[in-house]
Amino acid sequence: MATILEMARQLEGELTEIRRDLHRHPEIAWEEVRTGTRVAEYCEHLGLNVKRRAAKTGVVAVLNSAHGGPAVALRADMDALPIQEENEVSYRSTRDGKGHLCGHDAHTAMLMGAAGVSVAAFGAGAGLWQHMAHAATGKPAVGAWGFDIAAMDRAIAPGDDFFRHLLGLGKSDALA
């Protein structure tokens, strides 16, 4: 069996193409319809259980475990900035006044790669959570999420501040 690093290297060309495609077609916060579709289709192709349009444009992809137990939560932003790109590269933004000059195109591609490696390496033994749409404030719109936050909270061990950090919540914030 290949190592995780070898699996990741096998995805390098595909992920580079995905990142450049996302870079060419930037979408600012709450407009990431094309980007969300690209992520959802990739995850569906991997066999993940996908919920589209979580929090309007986000994607939630879950690799179900037949064994139960703890899950791993991963997330990335996928929105671009309202800024004009001035770079002269073959994958330059095709949308005036919008650009992936913040790295979110790379973050999204890397998370898609993590999903691919997880499926290849662990099969049904891992969990993947993606919430990719954020408001301009950088905090998720908790009330707009299209899934059961209380159920997620029940799955989190007490004191699991790492997961709460991934959700953008502070120690005193409640998930229920």
N, C-alpha and C. Protein backbone atom coordinates (compact mmCIF):
# COMPACT_ATOMS: atom_id res chain seq x y z
N MET A 1 0.84 -1.19 0.00
CA MET A 1 0.00 0.00 0.00
C MET A 1 0.88 1.25 0.00
N ALA A 2 0.48 2.23 -0.74
CA ALA A 2 1.23 3.49 -0.83
C ALA A 2 1.13 4.27 0.48
N THR A 3 2.16 5.05 0.76
CA THR A 3 2.12 5.91 1.94
C THR A 3 1.20 7.09 1.66
N ILE A 4 0.81 7.78 2.72
CA ILE A 4 -0.05 8.96 2.55
C ILE A 4 0.65 10.00 1.69
N LEU A 5 1.94 10.20 1.89
CA LEU A 5 2.69 11.16 1.08
C LEU A 5 2.68 10.74 -0.40
N GLU A 6 2.84 9.46 -0.67
CA GLU A 6 2.80 8.98 -2.06
C GLU A 6 1.42 9.19 -2.67
N MET A 7 0.37 8.95 -1.87
CA MET A 7 -1.00 9.19 -2.36
C MET A 7 -1.20 10.67 -2.69
N ALA A 8 -0.70 11.53 -1.83
CA ALA A 8 -0.84 12.97 -2.05
C ALA A 8 -0.09 13.39 -3.31
N ARG A 9 1.10 12.85 -3.50
CA ARG A 9 1.88 13.20 -4.70
C ARG A 9 1.17 12.75 -5.98
N GLN A 10 0.44 11.65 -5.90
CA GLN A 10 -0.31 11.17 -7.07
C GLN A 10 -1.43 12.13 -7.45
N LEU A 11 -1.89 12.93 -6.52
CA LEU A 11 -2.96 13.90 -6.76
C LEU A 11 -2.45 15.28 -7.16
N GLU A 12 -1.15 15.47 -7.15
CA GLU A 12 -0.57 16.80 -7.35
C GLU A 12 -1.04 17.47 -8.64
N GLY A 13 -0.97 16.79 -9.75
CA GLY A 13 -1.38 17.39 -11.03
C GLY A 13 -2.85 17.75 -11.05
N GLU A 14 -3.69 16.84 -10.57
CA GLU A 14 -5.14 17.09 -10.53
C GLU A 14 -5.46 18.27 -9.61
N LEU A 15 -4.83 18.32 -8.45
CA LEU A 15 -5.10 19.40 -7.51
C LEU A 15 -4.58 20.75 -8.01
N THR A 16 -3.47 20.73 -8.72
CA THR A 16 -2.96 21.96 -9.33
C THR A 16 -3.96 22.49 -10.35
N GLU A 17 -4.52 21.59 -11.16
CA GLU A 17 -5.52 21.99 -12.16
C GLU A 17 -6.76 22.55 -11.47
N ILE A 18 -7.21 21.89 -10.40
CA ILE A 18 -8.40 22.36 -9.66
C ILE A 18 -8.13 23.74 -9.08
N ARG A 19 -6.98 23.92 -8.45
CA ARG A 19 -6.65 25.21 -7.86
C ARG A 19 -6.62 26.32 -8.92
N ARG A 20 -6.03 26.03 -10.04
CA ARG A 20 -5.97 27.03 -11.11
C ARG A 20 -7.35 27.33 -11.69
N ASP A 21 -8.19 26.31 -11.79
CA ASP A 21 -9.56 26.52 -12.26
C ASP A 21 -10.32 27.41 -11.28
N LEU A 22 -10.21 27.13 -9.99
CA LEU A 22 -10.87 27.96 -8.99
C LEU A 22 -10.32 29.39 -9.03
N HIS A 23 -9.02 29.52 -9.27
CA HIS A 23 -8.39 30.84 -9.35
C HIS A 23 -8.93 31.62 -10.54
N ARG A 24 -9.15 30.94 -11.66
CA ARG A 24 -9.68 31.60 -12.86
C ARG A 24 -11.13 32.06 -12.69
N HIS A 25 -11.86 31.40 -11.79
CA HIS A 25 -13.29 31.66 -11.64
C HIS A 25 -13.63 32.00 -10.19
N PRO A 26 -13.09 33.11 -9.66
CA PRO A 26 -13.31 33.47 -8.26
C PRO A 26 -14.75 33.91 -8.01
N GLU A 27 -15.23 33.57 -6.82
CA GLU A 27 -16.56 33.98 -6.39
C GLU A 27 -16.43 34.51 -4.96
N ILE A 28 -16.98 35.71 -4.72
CA ILE A 28 -16.86 36.30 -3.40
C ILE A 28 -17.87 35.64 -2.44
N ALA A 29 -17.76 35.97 -1.16
CA ALA A 29 -18.59 35.35 -0.12
C ALA A 29 -20.06 35.32 -0.49
N TRP A 30 -20.68 34.17 -0.28
CA TRP A 30 -22.09 33.88 -0.49
C TRP A 30 -22.46 33.79 -1.97
N GLU A 31 -21.47 33.84 -2.87
CA GLU A 31 -21.72 33.67 -4.30
C GLU A 31 -21.03 32.44 -4.86
N GLU A 32 -20.48 31.57 -4.01
CA GLU A 32 -19.62 30.47 -4.45
C GLU A 32 -20.40 29.27 -5.01
N VAL A 33 -21.31 29.54 -5.94
CA VAL A 33 -22.14 28.48 -6.50
C VAL A 33 -21.30 27.54 -7.38
N ARG A 34 -20.53 28.09 -8.29
CA ARG A 34 -19.69 27.26 -9.16
C ARG A 34 -18.64 26.51 -8.34
N THR A 35 -18.01 27.22 -7.41
CA THR A 35 -16.98 26.60 -6.57
C THR A 35 -17.58 25.48 -5.73
N GLY A 36 -18.72 25.75 -5.09
CA GLY A 36 -19.38 24.73 -4.28
C GLY A 36 -19.77 23.52 -5.10
N THR A 37 -20.24 23.76 -6.32
CA THR A 37 -20.59 22.65 -7.21
C THR A 37 -19.37 21.82 -7.54
N ARG A 38 -18.26 22.48 -7.83
CA ARG A 38 -17.01 21.76 -8.15
C ARG A 38 -16.57 20.89 -6.97
N VAL A 39 -16.62 21.44 -5.76
CA VAL A 39 -16.23 20.70 -4.56
C VAL A 39 -17.20 19.53 -4.33
N ALA A 40 -18.49 19.79 -4.43
CA ALA A 40 -19.49 18.75 -4.19
C ALA A 40 -19.34 17.61 -5.18
N GLU A 41 -19.17 17.92 -6.46
CA GLU A 41 -19.02 16.87 -7.47
C GLU A 41 -17.77 16.03 -7.23
N TYR A 42 -16.69 16.67 -6.83
CA TYR A 42 -15.45 15.95 -6.53
C TYR A 42 -15.67 14.98 -5.37
N CYS A 43 -16.31 15.49 -4.32
CA CYS A 43 -16.55 14.66 -3.13
C CYS A 43 -17.55 13.53 -3.43
N GLU A 44 -18.55 13.81 -4.24
CA GLU A 44 -19.50 12.76 -4.63
C GLU A 44 -18.79 11.68 -5.44
N HIS A 45 -17.90 12.08 -6.32
CA HIS A 45 -17.11 11.12 -7.11
C HIS A 45 -16.28 10.21 -6.20
N LEU A 46 -15.86 10.75 -5.06
CA LEU A 46 -15.09 9.95 -4.10
C LEU A 46 -15.98 9.00 -3.30
N GLY A 47 -17.28 9.18 -3.41
CA GLY A 47 -18.20 8.34 -2.65
C GLY A 47 -18.62 8.91 -1.32
N LEU A 48 -18.32 10.19 -1.10
CA LEU A 48 -18.70 10.83 0.16
C LEU A 48 -20.18 11.20 0.14
N ASN A 49 -20.78 11.25 1.31
CA ASN A 49 -22.14 11.71 1.48
C ASN A 49 -22.08 13.24 1.49
N VAL A 50 -22.69 13.88 0.50
CA VAL A 50 -22.53 15.32 0.30
C VAL A 50 -23.84 16.06 0.51
N LYS A 51 -23.78 17.14 1.25
CA LYS A 51 -24.89 18.07 1.37
C LYS A 51 -24.44 19.38 0.73
N ARG A 52 -25.16 19.77 -0.28
CA ARG A 52 -24.86 21.02 -0.99
C ARG A 52 -25.62 22.18 -0.35
N ARG A 53 -25.12 23.36 -0.61
CA ARG A 53 -25.75 24.62 -0.19
C ARG A 53 -25.94 24.72 1.32
N ALA A 54 -25.03 24.16 2.11
CA ALA A 54 -25.05 24.39 3.56
C ALA A 54 -24.67 25.84 3.78
N ALA A 55 -25.43 26.55 4.56
CA ALA A 55 -25.20 27.99 4.77
C ALA A 55 -25.16 28.72 3.43
N LYS A 56 -26.06 28.38 2.55
CA LYS A 56 -26.27 28.98 1.24
C LYS A 56 -25.34 28.41 0.16
N THR A 57 -24.03 28.49 0.33
CA THR A 57 -23.12 28.06 -0.73
C THR A 57 -22.09 27.05 -0.28
N GLY A 58 -22.12 26.64 0.98
CA GLY A 58 -21.12 25.72 1.52
C GLY A 58 -21.39 24.27 1.13
N VAL A 59 -20.43 23.45 1.45
CA VAL A 59 -20.52 22.02 1.17
C VAL A 59 -20.16 21.27 2.45
N VAL A 60 -20.97 20.29 2.79
CA VAL A 60 -20.65 19.38 3.89
C VAL A 60 -20.47 18.01 3.25
N ALA A 61 -19.30 17.42 3.43
CA ALA A 61 -19.02 16.10 2.88
C ALA A 61 -18.60 15.19 4.01
N VAL A 62 -19.23 14.02 4.10
CA VAL A 62 -18.96 13.10 5.20
C VAL A 62 -18.54 11.75 4.64
N LEU A 63 -17.44 11.27 5.14
CA LEU A 63 -16.99 9.91 4.86
C LEU A 63 -17.47 9.09 6.04
N ASN A 64 -18.56 8.35 5.84
CA ASN A 64 -19.18 7.60 6.93
C ASN A 64 -18.30 6.46 7.39
N SER A 65 -18.29 6.26 8.69
CA SER A 65 -17.53 5.17 9.29
C SER A 65 -18.48 4.06 9.71
N ALA A 66 -18.19 2.87 9.29
CA ALA A 66 -18.99 1.73 9.71
C ALA A 66 -18.68 1.35 11.15
N HIS A 67 -17.62 1.92 11.70
CA HIS A 67 -17.15 1.54 13.03
C HIS A 67 -17.54 2.53 14.12
N GLY A 68 -18.15 3.66 13.78
CA GLY A 68 -18.47 4.66 14.78
C GLY A 68 -17.21 5.30 15.33
N GLY A 69 -17.32 5.87 16.50
CA GLY A 69 -16.15 6.45 17.13
C GLY A 69 -15.92 7.89 16.72
N PRO A 70 -14.75 8.42 17.08
CA PRO A 70 -14.48 9.84 16.82
C PRO A 70 -14.34 10.15 15.34
N ALA A 71 -14.58 11.39 15.01
CA ALA A 71 -14.45 11.87 13.64
C ALA A 71 -13.43 12.99 13.59
N VAL A 72 -12.92 13.24 12.41
CA VAL A 72 -11.99 14.34 12.18
C VAL A 72 -12.74 15.41 11.40
N ALA A 73 -12.64 16.64 11.84
CA ALA A 73 -13.29 17.75 11.16
C ALA A 73 -12.23 18.57 10.44
N LEU A 74 -12.44 18.81 9.16
CA LEU A 74 -11.55 19.65 8.36
C LEU A 74 -12.39 20.73 7.70
N ARG A 75 -11.83 21.92 7.53
CA ARG A 75 -12.59 22.96 6.85
C ARG A 75 -11.65 23.90 6.10
N ALA A 76 -12.21 24.56 5.13
CA ALA A 76 -11.47 25.58 4.38
C ALA A 76 -12.45 26.62 3.86
N ASP A 77 -12.00 27.85 3.78
CA ASP A 77 -12.79 28.89 3.13
C ASP A 77 -12.63 28.73 1.63
N MET A 78 -13.65 29.14 0.87
CA MET A 78 -13.53 29.04 -0.58
C MET A 78 -13.89 30.33 -1.30
N ASP A 79 -14.13 31.39 -0.53
CA ASP A 79 -14.50 32.65 -1.16
C ASP A 79 -13.28 33.44 -1.61
N ALA A 80 -13.51 34.24 -2.64
CA ALA A 80 -12.48 35.13 -3.17
C ALA A 80 -12.69 36.53 -2.59
N LEU A 81 -11.86 37.45 -3.00
CA LEU A 81 -11.94 38.83 -2.53
C LEU A 81 -12.47 39.74 -3.64
N PRO A 82 -13.14 40.83 -3.27
CA PRO A 82 -13.55 41.82 -4.27
C PRO A 82 -12.36 42.72 -4.61
N ILE A 83 -11.45 42.19 -5.42
CA ILE A 83 -10.21 42.88 -5.75
C ILE A 83 -9.82 42.51 -7.18
N GLN A 84 -9.21 43.45 -7.87
CA GLN A 84 -8.78 43.20 -9.24
C GLN A 84 -7.42 42.50 -9.24
N GLU A 85 -7.33 41.40 -9.92
CA GLU A 85 -6.04 40.71 -10.04
C GLU A 85 -5.21 41.37 -11.14
N GLU A 86 -3.96 41.59 -10.83
CA GLU A 86 -3.05 42.21 -11.79
C GLU A 86 -1.96 41.26 -12.24
N ASN A 87 -1.94 40.04 -11.70
CA ASN A 87 -0.93 39.06 -12.11
C ASN A 87 -1.12 38.67 -13.56
N GLU A 88 -0.03 38.38 -14.23
CA GLU A 88 -0.08 37.92 -15.62
C GLU A 88 0.33 36.45 -15.64
N VAL A 89 -0.62 35.57 -15.30
CA VAL A 89 -0.39 34.13 -15.32
C VAL A 89 -1.49 33.49 -16.15
N SER A 90 -1.24 32.29 -16.63
CA SER A 90 -2.21 31.62 -17.50
C SER A 90 -3.54 31.34 -16.81
N TYR A 91 -3.54 31.29 -15.50
CA TYR A 91 -4.76 30.98 -14.74
C TYR A 91 -5.31 32.23 -14.03
N ARG A 92 -5.03 33.39 -14.59
CA ARG A 92 -5.48 34.67 -14.03
C ARG A 92 -7.01 34.71 -13.95
N SER A 93 -7.52 35.46 -12.99
CA SER A 93 -8.96 35.63 -12.82
C SER A 93 -9.61 36.11 -14.11
N THR A 94 -10.73 35.50 -14.45
CA THR A 94 -11.49 35.90 -15.63
C THR A 94 -12.65 36.82 -15.25
N ARG A 95 -12.73 37.19 -13.97
CA ARG A 95 -13.84 37.99 -13.48
C ARG A 95 -13.33 39.33 -12.96
N ASP A 96 -13.75 40.39 -13.64
CA ASP A 96 -13.32 41.73 -13.24
C ASP A 96 -13.73 42.03 -11.80
N GLY A 97 -12.78 42.56 -11.05
CA GLY A 97 -13.05 42.98 -9.69
C GLY A 97 -13.14 41.85 -8.68
N LYS A 98 -12.80 40.62 -9.07
CA LYS A 98 -12.83 39.48 -8.15
C LYS A 98 -11.55 38.68 -8.34
N GLY A 99 -10.94 38.29 -7.23
CA GLY A 99 -9.70 37.53 -7.34
C GLY A 99 -9.41 36.67 -6.13
N HIS A 100 -8.79 35.54 -6.39
CA HIS A 100 -8.31 34.65 -5.33
C HIS A 100 -6.88 35.07 -4.98
N LEU A 101 -6.77 36.19 -4.29
CA LEU A 101 -5.47 36.68 -3.90
C LEU A 101 -5.26 36.48 -2.40
N CYS A 102 -6.06 35.58 -1.83
CA CYS A 102 -6.02 35.32 -0.39
C CYS A 102 -5.61 33.87 -0.10
N GLY A 103 -5.52 33.03 -1.11
CA GLY A 103 -5.13 31.64 -0.91
C GLY A 103 -6.27 30.67 -0.72
N HIS A 104 -7.51 31.15 -0.72
CA HIS A 104 -8.63 30.24 -0.49
C HIS A 104 -8.80 29.23 -1.62
N ASP A 105 -8.37 29.57 -2.84
CA ASP A 105 -8.41 28.58 -3.92
C ASP A 105 -7.48 27.42 -3.61
N ALA A 106 -6.31 27.72 -3.06
CA ALA A 106 -5.37 26.67 -2.68
C ALA A 106 -5.89 25.89 -1.47
N HIS A 107 -6.47 26.60 -0.50
CA HIS A 107 -7.01 25.91 0.67
C HIS A 107 -8.10 24.93 0.26
N THR A 108 -8.97 25.35 -0.65
CA THR A 108 -10.05 24.48 -1.11
C THR A 108 -9.49 23.27 -1.83
N ALA A 109 -8.53 23.48 -2.72
CA ALA A 109 -7.92 22.36 -3.45
C ALA A 109 -7.22 21.40 -2.49
N MET A 110 -6.53 21.96 -1.48
CA MET A 110 -5.85 21.09 -0.51
C MET A 110 -6.84 20.25 0.28
N LEU A 111 -7.97 20.85 0.65
CA LEU A 111 -8.97 20.09 1.39
C LEU A 111 -9.59 19.00 0.52
N MET A 112 -9.78 19.30 -0.76
CA MET A 112 -10.26 18.28 -1.69
C MET A 112 -9.24 17.15 -1.78
N GLY A 113 -7.97 17.50 -1.80
CA GLY A 113 -6.91 16.48 -1.79
C GLY A 113 -6.93 15.66 -0.53
N ALA A 114 -7.16 16.31 0.61
CA ALA A 114 -7.25 15.59 1.88
C ALA A 114 -8.41 14.60 1.85
N ALA A 115 -9.50 14.98 1.22
CA ALA A 115 -10.64 14.06 1.08
C ALA A 115 -10.24 12.86 0.23
N GLY A 116 -9.55 13.12 -0.89
CA GLY A 116 -9.12 12.03 -1.76
C GLY A 116 -8.16 11.08 -1.07
N VAL A 117 -7.20 11.63 -0.34
CA VAL A 117 -6.24 10.79 0.38
C VAL A 117 -6.94 10.02 1.50
N SER A 118 -7.87 10.66 2.20
CA SER A 118 -8.60 9.98 3.27
C SER A 118 -9.37 8.78 2.74
N VAL A 119 -10.04 8.95 1.62
CA VAL A 119 -10.79 7.83 1.02
C VAL A 119 -9.83 6.72 0.62
N ALA A 120 -8.72 7.08 -0.01
CA ALA A 120 -7.75 6.07 -0.46
C ALA A 120 -7.07 5.37 0.71
N ALA A 121 -6.76 6.12 1.75
CA ALA A 121 -5.98 5.55 2.86
C ALA A 121 -6.83 4.84 3.90
N PHE A 122 -7.99 5.41 4.19
CA PHE A 122 -8.74 4.92 5.34
C PHE A 122 -10.08 4.30 4.98
N GLY A 123 -10.50 4.39 3.74
CA GLY A 123 -11.79 3.83 3.38
C GLY A 123 -12.90 4.41 4.23
N ALA A 124 -13.69 3.54 4.80
CA ALA A 124 -14.85 3.99 5.58
C ALA A 124 -14.50 4.30 7.03
N GLY A 125 -13.25 4.47 7.36
CA GLY A 125 -12.88 4.65 8.76
C GLY A 125 -12.62 6.07 9.18
N ALA A 126 -12.92 7.06 8.35
CA ALA A 126 -12.62 8.44 8.72
C ALA A 126 -13.83 9.31 8.47
N GLY A 127 -13.89 10.45 9.12
CA GLY A 127 -14.96 11.40 8.90
C GLY A 127 -14.38 12.69 8.36
N LEU A 128 -15.13 13.35 7.49
CA LEU A 128 -14.67 14.61 6.91
C LEU A 128 -15.81 15.60 6.97
N TRP A 129 -15.54 16.75 7.53
CA TRP A 129 -16.54 17.81 7.60
C TRP A 129 -16.00 19.01 6.89
N GLN A 130 -16.76 19.55 5.96
CA GLN A 130 -16.34 20.76 5.26
C GLN A 130 -17.45 21.80 5.37
N HIS A 131 -17.11 22.95 5.85
CA HIS A 131 -18.01 24.09 5.80
C HIS A 131 -17.20 25.17 5.10
N MET A 132 -17.53 25.48 3.89
CA MET A 132 -16.64 26.30 3.10
C MET A 132 -17.09 27.73 2.86
N ALA A 133 -18.27 28.09 3.28
CA ALA A 133 -18.71 29.46 3.03
C ALA A 133 -18.70 30.26 4.32
N HIS A 134 -18.06 31.40 4.30
CA HIS A 134 -18.00 32.27 5.47
C HIS A 134 -18.49 33.65 5.09
N ALA A 135 -19.07 34.31 6.05
CA ALA A 135 -19.48 35.70 5.84
C ALA A 135 -18.23 36.58 5.78
N ALA A 136 -18.41 37.79 5.37
CA ALA A 136 -17.27 38.72 5.25
C ALA A 136 -16.59 38.95 6.59
N THR A 137 -17.28 38.69 7.70
CA THR A 137 -16.69 38.89 9.02
C THR A 137 -15.68 37.80 9.36
N GLY A 138 -15.66 36.72 8.58
CA GLY A 138 -14.78 35.60 8.88
C GLY A 138 -15.39 34.62 9.86
N LYS A 139 -16.59 34.92 10.37
CA LYS A 139 -17.27 34.00 11.29
C LYS A 139 -18.42 33.33 10.53
N PRO A 140 -18.62 32.03 10.76
CA PRO A 140 -19.71 31.35 10.08
C PRO A 140 -21.06 31.89 10.53
N ALA A 141 -22.00 31.87 9.62
CA ALA A 141 -23.36 32.29 9.92
C ALA A 141 -24.09 31.11 10.54
N VAL A 142 -23.95 30.96 11.85
CA VAL A 142 -24.44 29.77 12.55
C VAL A 142 -25.92 29.55 12.29
N GLY A 143 -26.72 30.60 12.33
CA GLY A 143 -28.16 30.43 12.16
C GLY A 143 -28.55 29.99 10.76
N ALA A 144 -27.68 30.15 9.80
CA ALA A 144 -28.01 29.82 8.41
C ALA A 144 -27.55 28.42 8.00
N TRP A 145 -26.88 27.70 8.89
CA TRP A 145 -26.35 26.40 8.50
C TRP A 145 -27.47 25.45 8.16
N GLY A 146 -27.23 24.65 7.13
CA GLY A 146 -28.25 23.73 6.66
C GLY A 146 -28.13 22.35 7.28
N PHE A 147 -27.62 22.20 8.48
CA PHE A 147 -27.53 20.90 9.14
C PHE A 147 -27.68 21.07 10.64
N ASP A 148 -27.85 19.99 11.35
CA ASP A 148 -28.19 19.98 12.76
C ASP A 148 -26.96 20.24 13.64
N ILE A 149 -26.79 21.49 14.07
CA ILE A 149 -25.64 21.85 14.88
C ILE A 149 -25.71 21.16 16.24
N ALA A 150 -26.91 21.02 16.80
CA ALA A 150 -27.04 20.37 18.11
C ALA A 150 -26.56 18.92 18.04
N ALA A 151 -26.83 18.24 16.94
CA ALA A 151 -26.36 16.86 16.79
C ALA A 151 -24.83 16.83 16.72
N MET A 152 -24.23 17.81 16.06
CA MET A 152 -22.78 17.88 16.03
C MET A 152 -22.23 18.12 17.42
N ASP A 153 -22.92 18.98 18.20
CA ASP A 153 -22.46 19.27 19.55
C ASP A 153 -22.49 18.02 20.42
N ARG A 154 -23.48 17.17 20.25
CA ARG A 154 -23.56 15.94 21.04
C ARG A 154 -22.41 15.00 20.71
N ALA A 155 -21.85 15.12 19.52
CA ALA A 155 -20.75 14.25 19.11
C ALA A 155 -19.39 14.76 19.58
N ILE A 156 -19.36 15.99 20.10
CA ILE A 156 -18.10 16.60 20.54
C ILE A 156 -17.88 16.29 22.01
N ALA A 157 -16.71 15.81 22.34
CA ALA A 157 -16.38 15.52 23.73
C ALA A 157 -16.28 16.84 24.51
N PRO A 158 -16.69 16.85 25.78
CA PRO A 158 -16.56 18.07 26.59
C PRO A 158 -15.11 18.57 26.57
N GLY A 159 -14.95 19.87 26.42
CA GLY A 159 -13.62 20.46 26.43
C GLY A 159 -12.90 20.36 25.11
N ASP A 160 -13.58 19.92 24.07
CA ASP A 160 -12.94 19.76 22.76
C ASP A 160 -12.92 21.11 22.06
N ASP A 161 -12.05 22.00 22.55
CA ASP A 161 -12.00 23.36 22.02
C ASP A 161 -11.43 23.42 20.61
N PHE A 162 -10.68 22.39 20.20
CA PHE A 162 -10.14 22.37 18.85
C PHE A 162 -11.28 22.40 17.83
N PHE A 163 -12.30 21.58 18.06
CA PHE A 163 -13.43 21.53 17.13
C PHE A 163 -14.18 22.86 17.15
N ARG A 164 -14.36 23.42 18.33
CA ARG A 164 -15.05 24.70 18.41
C ARG A 164 -14.26 25.78 17.66
N HIS A 165 -12.93 25.70 17.71
CA HIS A 165 -12.11 26.65 16.97
C HIS A 165 -12.35 26.50 15.47
N LEU A 166 -12.49 25.27 15.00
CA LEU A 166 -12.75 25.04 13.58
C LEU A 166 -14.08 25.65 13.16
N LEU A 167 -15.03 25.69 14.10
CA LEU A 167 -16.32 26.28 13.80
C LEU A 167 -16.29 27.80 13.92
N GLY A 168 -15.19 28.35 14.44
CA GLY A 168 -15.10 29.79 14.60
C GLY A 168 -15.81 30.27 15.85
N LEU A 169 -16.02 29.38 16.82
CA LEU A 169 -16.73 29.74 18.04
C LEU A 169 -15.74 29.86 19.19
N GLY A 170 -15.99 30.75 20.10
CA GLY A 170 -15.16 30.88 21.29
C GLY A 170 -15.59 29.89 22.36
N LYS A 171 -14.84 29.84 23.44
CA LYS A 171 -15.11 28.90 24.53
C LYS A 171 -16.51 29.12 25.13
N SER A 172 -16.96 30.36 25.18
CA SER A 172 -18.23 30.65 25.83
C SER A 172 -19.42 30.53 24.89
N ASP A 173 -19.19 30.37 23.60
CA ASP A 173 -20.29 30.26 22.65
C ASP A 173 -20.95 28.89 22.76
N ALA A 174 -22.25 28.84 22.62
CA ALA A 174 -22.99 27.58 22.65
C ALA A 174 -23.29 27.13 21.24
N LEU A 175 -23.26 25.83 21.02
CA LEU A 175 -23.60 25.30 19.71
C LEU A 175 -25.08 24.98 19.58
N ALA A 176 -25.76 24.74 20.68
CA ALA A 176 -27.17 24.32 20.63
C ALA A 176 -28.09 25.46 20.29
